[in-house]
Amino acid sequence: MHSIRQPVSTTGRFFSVVALIEAFTWAGLLAGMYLKYVSGTTDLGVWLFGRLHGAAFLLYLATAFVAGARLRWPLWALLLAVLAAIPPLVTLPLELWFRRRGLLSAPATAAAVEPDPR
């Protein structure tokens, strides 16, 4: 049985972009930590990506709460979205899973669910 996929909402697209940015800055921070602590060449990566990732992390958390409210996520989905920001790069698979489950689509309205009484 195939389900009808709803298009991703504007809020869902914004959440996806911010999740990608959060993961990208995590990857940059990890590369910067390698350069600083393993190879000992420079601390520029940690300096730059530490700041960028801090901002991206806060933006991701705010976006998750806004998306959760606008898209009417269940509490478990909001909790997973918040927790996904902690380990490196987990926001990407979470975003893909949310997309497949339809959590990034606009919630169905009562008018769309109920038939017209006429």
N, C-alpha and C. Protein backbone atom coordinates (compact mmCIF):
# COMPACT_ATOMS: atom_id res chain seq x y z
N MET A 1 0.85 -1.17 0.00
CA MET A 1 0.00 0.00 0.00
C MET A 1 0.89 1.24 0.00
N HIS A 2 0.63 2.17 -0.90
CA HIS A 2 1.41 3.39 -1.01
C HIS A 2 0.67 4.54 -0.34
N SER A 3 1.42 5.33 0.39
CA SER A 3 0.80 6.50 1.00
C SER A 3 1.04 7.71 0.11
N ILE A 4 0.14 8.65 0.17
CA ILE A 4 0.28 9.87 -0.60
C ILE A 4 1.21 10.80 0.16
N ARG A 5 2.28 11.21 -0.51
CA ARG A 5 3.24 12.11 0.14
C ARG A 5 2.79 13.54 0.02
N GLN A 6 2.77 14.20 1.15
CA GLN A 6 2.45 15.61 1.19
C GLN A 6 3.71 16.40 0.83
N PRO A 7 3.57 17.52 0.14
CA PRO A 7 4.75 18.33 -0.14
C PRO A 7 5.32 18.93 1.15
N VAL A 8 6.63 19.11 1.16
CA VAL A 8 7.29 19.69 2.33
C VAL A 8 6.89 21.16 2.44
N SER A 9 6.52 21.56 3.63
CA SER A 9 6.09 22.95 3.85
C SER A 9 7.29 23.88 3.88
N THR A 10 7.01 25.17 3.87
CA THR A 10 8.07 26.17 3.96
C THR A 10 8.84 26.01 5.28
N THR A 11 8.12 25.79 6.35
CA THR A 11 8.76 25.56 7.65
C THR A 11 9.61 24.30 7.60
N GLY A 12 9.12 23.25 6.97
CA GLY A 12 9.87 22.01 6.83
C GLY A 12 11.13 22.20 6.01
N ARG A 13 11.04 23.00 4.93
CA ARG A 13 12.23 23.28 4.12
C ARG A 13 13.25 24.08 4.92
N PHE A 14 12.79 25.05 5.70
CA PHE A 14 13.70 25.83 6.52
C PHE A 14 14.39 24.94 7.56
N PHE A 15 13.63 24.05 8.18
CA PHE A 15 14.21 23.10 9.13
C PHE A 15 15.27 22.25 8.45
N SER A 16 15.01 21.80 7.23
CA SER A 16 15.97 20.98 6.50
C SER A 16 17.27 21.74 6.22
N VAL A 17 17.14 22.98 5.80
CA VAL A 17 18.33 23.79 5.51
C VAL A 17 19.14 24.03 6.78
N VAL A 18 18.47 24.36 7.87
CA VAL A 18 19.18 24.61 9.13
C VAL A 18 19.82 23.33 9.64
N ALA A 19 19.17 22.19 9.47
CA ALA A 19 19.77 20.90 9.87
C ALA A 19 21.04 20.63 9.06
N LEU A 20 21.02 20.96 7.78
CA LEU A 20 22.20 20.80 6.93
C LEU A 20 23.33 21.72 7.39
N ILE A 21 23.01 22.97 7.68
CA ILE A 21 24.01 23.93 8.15
C ILE A 21 24.60 23.47 9.47
N GLU A 22 23.75 22.99 10.37
CA GLU A 22 24.23 22.51 11.68
C GLU A 22 25.20 21.35 11.49
N ALA A 23 24.88 20.42 10.59
CA ALA A 23 25.76 19.27 10.34
C ALA A 23 27.06 19.72 9.66
N PHE A 24 26.97 20.65 8.73
CA PHE A 24 28.17 21.15 8.04
C PHE A 24 29.13 21.81 9.03
N THR A 25 28.59 22.61 9.93
CA THR A 25 29.46 23.28 10.90
C THR A 25 30.04 22.28 11.90
N TRP A 26 29.28 21.22 12.21
CA TRP A 26 29.81 20.15 13.07
C TRP A 26 31.01 19.51 12.38
N ALA A 27 30.86 19.20 11.07
CA ALA A 27 31.96 18.57 10.32
C ALA A 27 33.17 19.49 10.28
N GLY A 28 32.94 20.78 10.09
CA GLY A 28 34.05 21.73 10.10
C GLY A 28 34.74 21.79 11.45
N LEU A 29 33.95 21.75 12.51
CA LEU A 29 34.52 21.77 13.85
C LEU A 29 35.33 20.50 14.11
N LEU A 30 34.85 19.36 13.67
CA LEU A 30 35.59 18.11 13.83
C LEU A 30 36.91 18.15 13.06
N ALA A 31 36.87 18.69 11.84
CA ALA A 31 38.10 18.83 11.05
C ALA A 31 39.06 19.80 11.74
N GLY A 32 38.52 20.88 12.28
CA GLY A 32 39.35 21.84 13.00
C GLY A 32 39.98 21.23 14.24
N MET A 33 39.24 20.38 14.95
CA MET A 33 39.80 19.72 16.13
C MET A 33 40.90 18.74 15.74
N TYR A 34 40.74 18.08 14.59
CA TYR A 34 41.80 17.21 14.11
C TYR A 34 43.07 18.02 13.85
N LEU A 35 42.90 19.14 13.14
CA LEU A 35 44.06 19.98 12.81
C LEU A 35 44.72 20.54 14.06
N LYS A 36 43.94 20.86 15.06
CA LYS A 36 44.50 21.46 16.28
C LYS A 36 45.12 20.41 17.20
N TYR A 37 44.38 19.33 17.47
CA TYR A 37 44.80 18.40 18.51
C TYR A 37 45.57 17.18 18.01
N VAL A 38 45.36 16.78 16.76
CA VAL A 38 46.04 15.58 16.25
C VAL A 38 47.28 15.97 15.44
N SER A 39 47.08 16.79 14.42
CA SER A 39 48.23 17.16 13.60
C SER A 39 49.01 18.33 14.19
N GLY A 40 48.36 19.12 15.03
CA GLY A 40 49.03 20.24 15.68
C GLY A 40 49.44 21.36 14.73
N THR A 41 48.76 21.47 13.59
CA THR A 41 49.16 22.47 12.61
C THR A 41 48.58 23.85 12.87
N THR A 42 47.29 23.92 13.18
CA THR A 42 46.66 25.23 13.36
C THR A 42 45.42 25.08 14.23
N ASP A 43 45.05 26.18 14.87
CA ASP A 43 43.80 26.19 15.63
C ASP A 43 42.75 27.07 14.95
N LEU A 44 43.02 27.48 13.71
CA LEU A 44 42.09 28.33 12.98
C LEU A 44 40.73 27.65 12.75
N GLY A 45 40.75 26.33 12.46
CA GLY A 45 39.49 25.61 12.23
C GLY A 45 38.60 25.59 13.45
N VAL A 46 39.19 25.38 14.61
CA VAL A 46 38.42 25.39 15.85
C VAL A 46 37.92 26.80 16.14
N TRP A 47 38.77 27.79 15.91
CA TRP A 47 38.38 29.18 16.15
C TRP A 47 37.19 29.55 15.27
N LEU A 48 37.28 29.26 13.97
CA LEU A 48 36.22 29.65 13.04
C LEU A 48 34.97 28.79 13.20
N PHE A 49 35.14 27.47 13.10
CA PHE A 49 33.97 26.58 13.12
C PHE A 49 33.36 26.45 14.52
N GLY A 50 34.13 26.72 15.54
CA GLY A 50 33.56 26.75 16.89
C GLY A 50 32.50 27.84 17.00
N ARG A 51 32.82 29.01 16.47
CA ARG A 51 31.86 30.12 16.50
C ARG A 51 30.67 29.86 15.57
N LEU A 52 30.98 29.39 14.35
CA LEU A 52 29.90 29.11 13.40
C LEU A 52 28.98 28.01 13.91
N HIS A 53 29.57 26.96 14.49
CA HIS A 53 28.73 25.88 14.99
C HIS A 53 27.91 26.31 16.21
N GLY A 54 28.47 27.13 17.06
CA GLY A 54 27.69 27.64 18.19
C GLY A 54 26.45 28.37 17.73
N ALA A 55 26.63 29.23 16.71
CA ALA A 55 25.47 29.97 16.16
C ALA A 55 24.50 29.02 15.47
N ALA A 56 25.03 28.06 14.69
CA ALA A 56 24.17 27.12 13.98
C ALA A 56 23.41 26.23 14.95
N PHE A 57 24.05 25.84 16.04
CA PHE A 57 23.40 25.01 17.06
C PHE A 57 22.21 25.75 17.67
N LEU A 58 22.42 27.01 18.03
CA LEU A 58 21.33 27.79 18.62
C LEU A 58 20.21 28.03 17.60
N LEU A 59 20.58 28.31 16.35
CA LEU A 59 19.57 28.49 15.30
C LEU A 59 18.79 27.19 15.09
N TYR A 60 19.48 26.07 15.10
CA TYR A 60 18.81 24.78 14.92
C TYR A 60 17.81 24.51 16.05
N LEU A 61 18.22 24.77 17.29
CA LEU A 61 17.30 24.56 18.41
C LEU A 61 16.06 25.44 18.29
N ALA A 62 16.27 26.70 17.97
CA ALA A 62 15.12 27.61 17.81
C ALA A 62 14.23 27.15 16.66
N THR A 63 14.84 26.74 15.57
CA THR A 63 14.09 26.27 14.41
C THR A 63 13.31 25.00 14.74
N ALA A 64 13.91 24.11 15.51
CA ALA A 64 13.22 22.88 15.89
C ALA A 64 11.96 23.19 16.71
N PHE A 65 12.07 24.14 17.63
CA PHE A 65 10.89 24.49 18.44
C PHE A 65 9.82 25.17 17.60
N VAL A 66 10.22 26.05 16.69
CA VAL A 66 9.24 26.71 15.82
C VAL A 66 8.59 25.69 14.89
N ALA A 67 9.41 24.83 14.27
CA ALA A 67 8.86 23.81 13.37
C ALA A 67 7.95 22.86 14.13
N GLY A 68 8.35 22.49 15.34
CA GLY A 68 7.51 21.59 16.14
C GLY A 68 6.15 22.19 16.43
N ALA A 69 6.12 23.48 16.71
CA ALA A 69 4.85 24.15 16.99
C ALA A 69 4.02 24.32 15.71
N ARG A 70 4.65 24.82 14.65
CA ARG A 70 3.91 25.08 13.41
C ARG A 70 3.44 23.82 12.70
N LEU A 71 4.27 22.79 12.74
CA LEU A 71 3.93 21.55 12.05
C LEU A 71 3.24 20.54 12.96
N ARG A 72 3.01 20.95 14.20
CA ARG A 72 2.29 20.14 15.19
C ARG A 72 2.92 18.77 15.39
N TRP A 73 4.23 18.79 15.66
CA TRP A 73 4.93 17.54 15.93
C TRP A 73 4.48 16.98 17.27
N PRO A 74 4.45 15.66 17.39
CA PRO A 74 4.24 15.07 18.72
C PRO A 74 5.48 15.35 19.58
N LEU A 75 5.33 15.26 20.86
CA LEU A 75 6.42 15.58 21.78
C LEU A 75 7.67 14.74 21.52
N TRP A 76 7.49 13.46 21.18
CA TRP A 76 8.64 12.60 20.92
C TRP A 76 9.46 13.12 19.74
N ALA A 77 8.80 13.68 18.71
CA ALA A 77 9.51 14.19 17.54
C ALA A 77 10.32 15.43 17.90
N LEU A 78 9.72 16.31 18.70
CA LEU A 78 10.45 17.50 19.14
C LEU A 78 11.64 17.11 20.00
N LEU A 79 11.45 16.17 20.88
CA LEU A 79 12.55 15.71 21.74
C LEU A 79 13.68 15.10 20.90
N LEU A 80 13.34 14.28 19.90
CA LEU A 80 14.36 13.72 19.02
C LEU A 80 15.10 14.79 18.24
N ALA A 81 14.36 15.80 17.77
CA ALA A 81 14.99 16.88 17.01
C ALA A 81 15.99 17.63 17.88
N VAL A 82 15.64 17.90 19.11
CA VAL A 82 16.55 18.61 20.03
C VAL A 82 17.76 17.73 20.35
N LEU A 83 17.53 16.47 20.66
CA LEU A 83 18.63 15.57 21.00
C LEU A 83 19.56 15.29 19.82
N ALA A 84 19.04 15.39 18.59
CA ALA A 84 19.86 15.11 17.41
C ALA A 84 20.95 16.15 17.21
N ALA A 85 20.83 17.30 17.83
CA ALA A 85 21.84 18.35 17.68
C ALA A 85 23.07 18.08 18.52
N ILE A 86 23.00 17.15 19.45
CA ILE A 86 24.12 16.94 20.37
C ILE A 86 25.23 16.08 19.75
N PRO A 87 24.95 14.87 19.25
CA PRO A 87 26.04 14.11 18.62
C PRO A 87 26.33 14.66 17.21
N PRO A 88 27.55 14.52 16.76
CA PRO A 88 27.90 15.06 15.44
C PRO A 88 27.11 14.43 14.30
N LEU A 89 26.61 15.28 13.41
CA LEU A 89 26.01 14.91 12.13
C LEU A 89 24.70 14.13 12.21
N VAL A 90 24.06 14.07 13.35
CA VAL A 90 22.82 13.30 13.50
C VAL A 90 21.61 14.06 12.96
N THR A 91 21.73 15.38 12.80
CA THR A 91 20.59 16.14 12.28
C THR A 91 20.26 15.75 10.84
N LEU A 92 21.25 15.29 10.07
CA LEU A 92 20.98 14.90 8.68
C LEU A 92 20.10 13.66 8.58
N PRO A 93 20.46 12.52 9.21
CA PRO A 93 19.56 11.37 9.10
C PRO A 93 18.20 11.63 9.75
N LEU A 94 18.17 12.44 10.80
CA LEU A 94 16.89 12.76 11.43
C LEU A 94 16.00 13.53 10.46
N GLU A 95 16.58 14.50 9.76
CA GLU A 95 15.81 15.29 8.80
C GLU A 95 15.25 14.40 7.70
N LEU A 96 16.06 13.48 7.19
CA LEU A 96 15.58 12.55 6.15
C LEU A 96 14.46 11.66 6.67
N TRP A 97 14.60 11.19 7.91
CA TRP A 97 13.56 10.35 8.50
C TRP A 97 12.28 11.13 8.71
N PHE A 98 12.41 12.37 9.22
CA PHE A 98 11.23 13.22 9.40
C PHE A 98 10.53 13.46 8.06
N ARG A 99 11.32 13.69 7.00
CA ARG A 99 10.75 13.92 5.68
C ARG A 99 9.96 12.70 5.22
N ARG A 100 10.53 11.50 5.39
CA ARG A 100 9.84 10.28 4.98
C ARG A 100 8.56 10.04 5.78
N ARG A 101 8.58 10.41 7.04
CA ARG A 101 7.40 10.22 7.89
C ARG A 101 6.34 11.30 7.69
N GLY A 102 6.66 12.33 6.91
CA GLY A 102 5.71 13.41 6.66
C GLY A 102 5.69 14.47 7.74
N LEU A 103 6.68 14.46 8.63
CA LEU A 103 6.70 15.44 9.71
C LEU A 103 7.14 16.83 9.25
N LEU A 104 7.65 16.94 8.03
CA LEU A 104 8.06 18.24 7.52
C LEU A 104 7.00 18.83 6.59
N SER A 105 5.88 18.16 6.47
CA SER A 105 4.77 18.66 5.67
C SER A 105 3.78 19.39 6.56
N ALA A 106 3.01 20.26 5.95
CA ALA A 106 2.00 21.00 6.71
C ALA A 106 0.98 20.02 7.26
N PRO A 107 0.55 20.21 8.51
CA PRO A 107 -0.45 19.30 9.08
C PRO A 107 -1.77 19.44 8.34
N ALA A 108 -2.51 18.35 8.28
CA ALA A 108 -3.82 18.37 7.64
C ALA A 108 -4.77 19.24 8.45
N THR A 109 -5.52 20.06 7.77
CA THR A 109 -6.50 20.91 8.46
C THR A 109 -7.82 20.16 8.57
N ALA A 110 -8.66 20.62 9.45
CA ALA A 110 -9.97 19.97 9.63
C ALA A 110 -10.80 20.06 8.36
N ALA A 111 -10.67 21.16 7.61
CA ALA A 111 -11.43 21.32 6.37
C ALA A 111 -10.98 20.32 5.32
N ALA A 112 -9.70 19.98 5.32
CA ALA A 112 -9.20 19.02 4.34
C ALA A 112 -9.58 17.59 4.70
N VAL A 113 -9.81 17.33 5.97
CA VAL A 113 -10.12 15.97 6.42
C VAL A 113 -11.61 15.69 6.35
N GLU A 114 -12.41 16.65 6.75
CA GLU A 114 -13.86 16.44 6.80
C GLU A 114 -14.50 16.75 5.43
N PRO A 115 -15.46 15.92 5.02
CA PRO A 115 -16.15 16.21 3.75
C PRO A 115 -17.07 17.42 3.88
N ASP A 116 -17.32 18.04 2.76
CA ASP A 116 -18.20 19.20 2.71
C ASP A 116 -19.63 18.76 3.04
N PRO A 117 -20.32 19.42 4.00
CA PRO A 117 -21.66 18.96 4.42
C PRO A 117 -22.76 19.24 3.40
N ARG A 118 -22.48 19.97 2.34
CA ARG A 118 -23.54 20.28 1.36
C ARG A 118 -24.00 19.13 0.62
